[in-house]
Amino acid sequence: MPTKDQLLREAAEKESLAAAFMRYARALPQAFEGLPAGPGDCAPFWTGPAAERFLTQALRSRREVAELAEACLATAENLRRRAGRLREEAARVPDPA
């Protein structure tokens, strides 16, 4: 049976990991700042099939990054819930005599 200190340490580690996932999730959308997002945005630089392929890939990548950010947020929430349960469990562990 884990000790109170072990449970609290594990809870703190999960909280720390959750905070990291939150930071990552918030930073992900910035990866596409300044990149052309529509046909009008590319026109000053280039046109044609290459520009169309770029825009298609950029939009797909934006969606994938948005999904990744959502997954990071969900993982952070799961980690925080688990940390809370560990703290509750630690509170029920009797102190050593």
Protein backbone atom coordinates (compact mmCIF):
# COMPACT_ATOMS: atom_id res chain seq x y z
CA MET A 1 0.00 0.00 0.00
CA PRO A 2 1.43 3.39 -0.96
CA THR A 3 2.23 5.83 1.80
CA LYS A 4 0.62 9.23 2.17
CA ASP A 5 3.83 10.90 0.97
CA GLN A 6 3.99 8.69 -2.12
CA LEU A 7 0.40 9.48 -3.02
CA LEU A 8 0.91 13.22 -2.51
CA ARG A 9 4.13 13.15 -4.54
CA GLU A 10 2.36 11.33 -7.38
CA ALA A 11 -0.49 13.86 -7.24
CA ALA A 12 2.01 16.74 -7.45
CA GLU A 13 3.73 15.11 -10.43
CA LYS A 14 0.39 14.74 -12.21
CA GLU A 15 -0.47 18.39 -11.51
CA SER A 16 2.91 19.44 -12.90
CA LEU A 17 2.38 17.35 -16.02
CA ALA A 18 -1.12 18.80 -16.42
CA ALA A 19 0.33 22.32 -16.27
CA ALA A 20 2.83 21.41 -19.00
CA PHE A 21 0.03 20.06 -21.23
CA MET A 22 -1.91 23.30 -20.68
CA ARG A 23 1.12 25.38 -21.72
CA TYR A 24 1.62 23.26 -24.83
CA ALA A 25 -2.06 23.47 -25.76
CA ARG A 26 -2.06 27.25 -25.46
CA ALA A 27 1.14 27.60 -27.51
CA LEU A 28 0.12 25.33 -30.41
CA PRO A 29 -2.12 27.78 -32.31
CA GLN A 30 0.76 30.26 -32.46
CA ALA A 31 2.60 27.85 -34.77
CA PHE A 32 0.52 29.15 -37.69
CA GLU A 33 0.58 32.86 -36.95
CA GLY A 34 1.52 34.83 -40.02
CA LEU A 35 1.08 31.94 -42.47
CA PRO A 36 -1.31 32.48 -45.36
CA ALA A 37 -4.70 30.99 -44.61
CA GLY A 38 -6.66 31.74 -47.75
CA PRO A 39 -6.20 32.21 -51.49
CA GLY A 40 -6.12 35.99 -51.15
CA ASP A 41 -3.26 35.72 -48.67
CA CYS A 42 -1.06 33.86 -51.16
CA ALA A 43 -1.79 36.02 -54.20
CA PRO A 44 0.96 38.55 -53.41
CA PHE A 45 3.52 35.72 -53.28
CA TRP A 46 2.46 33.06 -55.76
CA THR A 47 -0.51 31.46 -57.48
CA GLY A 48 -1.29 28.21 -59.18
CA PRO A 49 -1.17 24.57 -58.14
CA ALA A 50 1.68 25.01 -55.66
CA ALA A 51 -0.19 27.74 -53.79
CA GLU A 52 -3.35 25.63 -53.77
CA ARG A 53 -1.47 22.62 -52.42
CA PHE A 54 0.12 24.77 -49.73
CA LEU A 55 -3.24 26.19 -48.65
CA THR A 56 -4.82 22.75 -48.57
CA GLN A 57 -2.00 21.38 -46.44
CA ALA A 58 -1.95 24.47 -44.20
CA LEU A 59 -5.68 24.16 -43.50
CA ARG A 60 -5.34 20.45 -42.78
CA SER A 61 -2.42 21.12 -40.46
CA ARG A 62 -4.33 23.85 -38.65
CA ARG A 63 -7.21 21.43 -38.00
CA GLU A 64 -4.81 18.74 -36.79
CA VAL A 65 -3.07 21.17 -34.47
CA ALA A 66 -6.44 22.33 -33.13
CA GLU A 67 -7.32 18.68 -32.44
CA LEU A 68 -3.96 18.18 -30.75
CA ALA A 69 -4.56 21.24 -28.57
CA GLU A 70 -7.97 19.84 -27.57
CA ALA A 71 -6.39 16.48 -26.75
CA CYS A 72 -3.76 18.23 -24.62
CA LEU A 73 -6.46 20.10 -22.71
CA ALA A 74 -8.45 16.89 -22.16
CA THR A 75 -5.33 15.09 -20.97
CA ALA A 76 -4.55 17.93 -18.58
CA GLU A 77 -8.07 17.72 -17.15
CA ASN A 78 -7.76 13.94 -16.73
CA LEU A 79 -4.43 14.36 -14.96
CA ARG A 80 -5.92 16.97 -12.61
CA ARG A 81 -8.85 14.69 -11.78
CA ARG A 82 -6.46 11.81 -11.08
CA ALA A 83 -4.33 14.07 -8.88
CA GLY A 84 -7.44 15.04 -6.93
CA ARG A 85 -8.33 11.39 -6.38
CA LEU A 86 -4.79 10.68 -5.22
CA ARG A 87 -4.99 13.53 -2.71
CA GLU A 88 -8.32 12.18 -1.46
CA GLU A 89 -6.79 8.74 -1.12
CA ALA A 90 -3.80 10.22 0.73
CA ALA A 91 -6.16 11.93 3.15
CA ARG A 92 -7.66 8.54 4.05
CA VAL A 93 -4.28 6.91 4.71
CA PRO A 94 -3.63 6.81 8.45
CA ASP A 95 -0.54 8.60 9.71
CA PRO A 96 2.25 6.28 10.87
CA ALA A 97 2.27 5.67 14.58
